[in-house]
Amino acid sequence: MVEENEMLKMVTPMMEHVCDHLCRYPGEISDQEELDKVCGGCQMGDHICNILNTYNQINDFEKTQCAHLLKEMAIERAKHENMVADWKWHLKERFSRVV
């Protein structure tokens, strides 16, 4: 199973509280199958999914400006390292002939 994220740990007790203490249907409907049908049509699950999806989108590091900048830095660092390696090679070639 996927590791439970922090937001899910927060919304689960909220959903349980709403369903167990604020929803009127558990007090009105004693038949579990009928209650399951009512709960299946409840929009609370949709709201929780929207909260979790929004949280996951906001916290997706790969989509952040920071991730973009880190990738650009890695590309520039590689270019720089290649340039330094080229210069070292040219200097070695040039000065090895002088000796």
Foldseek 3Di string as FASTA:
>chain_A
DDDDDPLNVVVVVVVVCCVVPVDCVVVVDDDPVVSVVVVVPDCPVVVSVVVVVVVCVVPVVCPDPVVVVVVVVVVVVVVVVVVVVVVVVVVCVVVVVVD
